[in-house]
Amino acid sequence: MTTRTAPDSRLASVLRFATELIAWVGTPWAIAPHSVLLAIVSVVVLIGLPTVFQTRGDKPHVVVPVPGFVTVLLVLLQLVAAVVAAWFAWPTAVALVVSVLAAGCVVTEQPRWRWLLSRQAPPAPTS
């Protein structure tokens, strides 16, 4: 029997959301001294892509359905953005904390990622 919704623990959700917030703040912070336009684009990309592209069963409302591997790649994009931005924009101690947070997120995301990657294509809507 396969699960129709993602196995997403509260801890995984909290760590993922915290890392996303750090990416949304840290990336433009790190880029803005070089290009304000790229800083704005980074926020649009980091917030906009996961908002528009989602895997059915992972979120209650899906705008544009995509296979699970796309959702995993979008989460990885957020994690990498948070860690890289932290190392460029903030003191070493903060960057270390962000790196540990991202590593914890990767560990807690494993059940969800396995579920997302095990799905061949988004299921058809059941309305």
C-alpha atoms as a PDB file:
ATOM      1  CA  MET A   1       0.000   0.000   0.000  1.00  0.00           C
ATOM      2  CA  THR A   2       1.371   3.422  -0.922  1.00  0.00           C
ATOM      3  CA  THR A   3       0.734   6.590   0.993  1.00  0.00           C
ATOM      4  CA  ARG A   4      -1.086   9.364  -0.874  1.00  0.00           C
ATOM      5  CA  THR A   5       0.374  12.108   1.335  1.00  0.00           C
ATOM      6  CA  ALA A   6       3.988  12.813   2.175  1.00  0.00           C
ATOM      7  CA  PRO A   7       5.414  11.462   5.447  1.00  0.00           C
ATOM      8  CA  ASP A   8       6.418  14.851   6.832  1.00  0.00           C
ATOM      9  CA  SER A   9       7.261  15.058  10.546  1.00  0.00           C
ATOM     10  CA  ARG A  10       6.800  18.220  12.535  1.00  0.00           C
ATOM     11  CA  LEU A  11      10.564  18.410  13.187  1.00  0.00           C
ATOM     12  CA  ALA A  12      11.338  18.111   9.474  1.00  0.00           C
ATOM     13  CA  SER A  13       8.800  20.836   8.691  1.00  0.00           C
ATOM     14  CA  VAL A  14      10.219  23.185  11.321  1.00  0.00           C
ATOM     15  CA  LEU A  15      13.828  22.667  10.204  1.00  0.00           C
ATOM     16  CA  ARG A  16      12.876  23.058   6.545  1.00  0.00           C
ATOM     17  CA  PHE A  17      10.918  26.254   7.211  1.00  0.00           C
ATOM     18  CA  ALA A  18      13.709  27.726   9.358  1.00  0.00           C
ATOM     19  CA  THR A  19      16.226  27.003   6.614  1.00  0.00           C
ATOM     20  CA  GLU A  20      13.915  28.512   3.989  1.00  0.00           C
ATOM     21  CA  LEU A  21      13.594  31.703   6.052  1.00  0.00           C
ATOM     22  CA  ILE A  22      17.360  31.914   6.364  1.00  0.00           C
ATOM     23  CA  ALA A  23      17.722  31.457   2.595  1.00  0.00           C
ATOM     24  CA  TRP A  24      15.091  34.130   1.908  1.00  0.00           C
ATOM     25  CA  VAL A  25      16.892  36.635   4.176  1.00  0.00           C
ATOM     26  CA  GLY A  26      20.522  35.587   3.752  1.00  0.00           C
ATOM     27  CA  THR A  27      20.709  35.225  -0.005  1.00  0.00           C
ATOM     28  CA  PRO A  28      19.655  38.778  -0.880  1.00  0.00           C
ATOM     29  CA  TRP A  29      21.727  40.031   2.055  1.00  0.00           C
ATOM     30  CA  ALA A  30      24.828  38.367   0.581  1.00  0.00           C
ATOM     31  CA  ILE A  31      24.063  39.446  -3.011  1.00  0.00           C
ATOM     32  CA  ALA A  32      22.812  43.023  -2.450  1.00  0.00           C
ATOM     33  CA  PRO A  33      26.270  44.630  -2.075  1.00  0.00           C
ATOM     34  CA  HIS A  34      27.034  43.388  -5.600  1.00  0.00           C
ATOM     35  CA  SER A  35      23.645  43.795  -7.307  1.00  0.00           C
ATOM     36  CA  VAL A  36      20.320  44.898  -5.862  1.00  0.00           C
ATOM     37  CA  LEU A  37      18.537  43.538  -8.926  1.00  0.00           C
ATOM     38  CA  LEU A  38      20.051  40.056  -8.438  1.00  0.00           C
ATOM     39  CA  ALA A  39      19.150  40.210  -4.750  1.00  0.00           C
ATOM     40  CA  ILE A  40      15.506  40.826  -5.687  1.00  0.00           C
ATOM     41  CA  VAL A  41      15.613  38.065  -8.306  1.00  0.00           C
ATOM     42  CA  SER A  42      17.029  35.653  -5.709  1.00  0.00           C
ATOM     43  CA  VAL A  43      14.046  36.253  -3.417  1.00  0.00           C
ATOM     44  CA  VAL A  44      11.589  35.819  -6.280  1.00  0.00           C
ATOM     45  CA  VAL A  45      13.260  32.531  -7.266  1.00  0.00           C
ATOM     46  CA  LEU A  46      13.611  31.154  -3.725  1.00  0.00           C
ATOM     47  CA  ILE A  47      10.019  31.961  -2.772  1.00  0.00           C
ATOM     48  CA  GLY A  48       8.301  31.784  -6.155  1.00  0.00           C
ATOM     49  CA  LEU A  49       9.496  28.446  -7.515  1.00  0.00           C
ATOM     50  CA  PRO A  50       8.411  26.306  -4.524  1.00  0.00           C
ATOM     51  CA  THR A  51       5.137  28.233  -4.338  1.00  0.00           C
ATOM     52  CA  VAL A  52       4.244  27.524  -7.958  1.00  0.00           C
ATOM     53  CA  PHE A  53       5.756  24.051  -8.511  1.00  0.00           C
ATOM     54  CA  GLN A  54       4.625  21.314  -6.100  1.00  0.00           C
ATOM     55  CA  THR A  55       4.123  17.571  -6.013  1.00  0.00           C
ATOM     56  CA  ARG A  56       0.589  16.272  -5.555  1.00  0.00           C
ATOM     57  CA  GLY A  57       0.146  14.697  -2.154  1.00  0.00           C
ATOM     58  CA  ASP A  58       2.965  16.769  -0.663  1.00  0.00           C
ATOM     59  CA  LYS A  59       0.924  19.952  -0.260  1.00  0.00           C
ATOM     60  CA  PRO A  60      -2.840  20.411   0.105  1.00  0.00           C
ATOM     61  CA  HIS A  61      -3.119  22.770  -2.886  1.00  0.00           C
ATOM     62  CA  VAL A  62      -0.961  22.370  -5.988  1.00  0.00           C
ATOM     63  CA  VAL A  63      -0.614  25.172  -8.545  1.00  0.00           C
ATOM     64  CA  VAL A  64       1.611  23.434 -11.118  1.00  0.00           C
ATOM     65  CA  PRO A  65       2.137  19.704 -10.454  1.00  0.00           C
ATOM     66  CA  VAL A  66       5.677  18.393 -10.827  1.00  0.00           C
ATOM     67  CA  PRO A  67       7.347  15.025 -10.157  1.00  0.00           C
ATOM     68  CA  GLY A  68       8.776  14.471  -6.686  1.00  0.00           C
ATOM     69  CA  PHE A  69      12.397  14.898  -7.752  1.00  0.00           C
ATOM     70  CA  VAL A  70      11.644  18.542  -8.652  1.00  0.00           C
ATOM     71  CA  THR A  71      10.388  19.195  -5.130  1.00  0.00           C
ATOM     72  CA  VAL A  72      13.524  17.578  -3.690  1.00  0.00           C
ATOM     73  CA  LEU A  73      15.708  19.760  -5.950  1.00  0.00           C
ATOM     74  CA  LEU A  74      13.822  22.881  -4.834  1.00  0.00           C
ATOM     75  CA  VAL A  75      14.431  22.016  -1.177  1.00  0.00           C
ATOM     76  CA  LEU A  76      18.113  21.402  -1.923  1.00  0.00           C
ATOM     77  CA  LEU A  77      18.255  24.797  -3.661  1.00  0.00           C
ATOM     78  CA  GLN A  78      16.930  26.429  -0.483  1.00  0.00           C
ATOM     79  CA  LEU A  79      19.414  24.551   1.708  1.00  0.00           C
ATOM     80  CA  VAL A  80      22.409  25.423  -0.470  1.00  0.00           C
ATOM     81  CA  ALA A  81      21.304  29.054  -0.730  1.00  0.00           C
ATOM     82  CA  ALA A  82      20.971  29.314   3.060  1.00  0.00           C
ATOM     83  CA  VAL A  83      24.391  27.802   3.762  1.00  0.00           C
ATOM     84  CA  VAL A  84      26.319  29.639   1.048  1.00  0.00           C
ATOM     85  CA  ALA A  85      24.672  32.965   1.876  1.00  0.00           C
ATOM     86  CA  ALA A  86      25.384  32.515   5.586  1.00  0.00           C
ATOM     87  CA  TRP A  87      29.095  31.960   4.913  1.00  0.00           C
ATOM     88  CA  PHE A  88      29.276  35.052   2.709  1.00  0.00           C
ATOM     89  CA  ALA A  89      27.054  37.416   4.680  1.00  0.00           C
ATOM     90  CA  TRP A  90      27.386  36.610   8.371  1.00  0.00           C
ATOM     91  CA  PRO A  91      29.995  35.821  11.027  1.00  0.00           C
ATOM     92  CA  THR A  92      31.509  32.347  11.130  1.00  0.00           C
ATOM     93  CA  ALA A  93      29.566  31.330  14.255  1.00  0.00           C
ATOM     94  CA  VAL A  94      26.247  32.112  12.555  1.00  0.00           C
ATOM     95  CA  ALA A  95      27.325  30.323   9.372  1.00  0.00           C
ATOM     96  CA  LEU A  96      28.223  27.246  11.425  1.00  0.00           C
ATOM     97  CA  VAL A  97      24.791  27.244  13.079  1.00  0.00           C
ATOM     98  CA  VAL A  98      23.100  27.575   9.682  1.00  0.00           C
ATOM     99  CA  SER A  99      25.232  24.722   8.318  1.00  0.00           C
ATOM    100  CA  VAL A 100      24.258  22.463  11.234  1.00  0.00           C
ATOM    101  CA  LEU A 101      20.597  23.440  10.777  1.00  0.00           C
ATOM    102  CA  ALA A 102      20.777  22.561   7.075  1.00  0.00           C
ATOM    103  CA  ALA A 103      22.453  19.228   7.853  1.00  0.00           C
ATOM    104  CA  GLY A 104      19.705  18.464  10.369  1.00  0.00           C
ATOM    105  CA  CYS A 105      17.146  19.338   7.726  1.00  0.00           C
ATOM    106  CA  VAL A 106      18.727  16.897   5.270  1.00  0.00           C
ATOM    107  CA  VAL A 107      18.579  14.122   7.875  1.00  0.00           C
ATOM    108  CA  THR A 108      14.959  14.756   8.888  1.00  0.00           C
ATOM    109  CA  GLU A 109      13.832  15.158   5.261  1.00  0.00           C
ATOM    110  CA  GLN A 110      14.889  11.617   4.278  1.00  0.00           C
ATOM    111  CA  PRO A 111      11.466   9.919   4.712  1.00  0.00           C
ATOM    112  CA  ARG A 112       9.752  12.683   2.730  1.00  0.00           C
ATOM    113  CA  TRP A 113      12.418  12.630   0.009  1.00  0.00           C
ATOM    114  CA  ARG A 114      12.187   8.825  -0.292  1.00  0.00           C
ATOM    115  CA  TRP A 115       8.424   9.185  -0.672  1.00  0.00           C
ATOM    116  CA  LEU A 116       8.797  11.973  -3.242  1.00  0.00           C
ATOM    117  CA  LEU A 117      11.421  10.081  -5.249  1.00  0.00           C
ATOM    118  CA  SER A 118       9.447   6.829  -5.220  1.00  0.00           C
ATOM    119  CA  ARG A 119       6.604   8.397  -7.168  1.00  0.00           C
ATOM    120  CA  GLN A 120       6.836   8.159 -10.951  1.00  0.00           C
ATOM    121  CA  ALA A 121       4.433  10.971 -11.825  1.00  0.00           C
ATOM    122  CA  PRO A 122       1.966  13.148  -9.950  1.00  0.00           C
ATOM    123  CA  PRO A 123      -1.356  11.330  -9.477  1.00  0.00           C
ATOM    124  CA  ALA A 124      -4.378  12.700 -11.298  1.00  0.00           C
ATOM    125  CA  PRO A 125      -6.643  14.948  -9.228  1.00  0.00           C
ATOM    126  CA  THR A 126      -9.466  13.147  -7.449  1.00  0.00           C
ATOM    127  CA  SER A 127     -12.336  15.599  -7.560  1.00  0.00           C
END
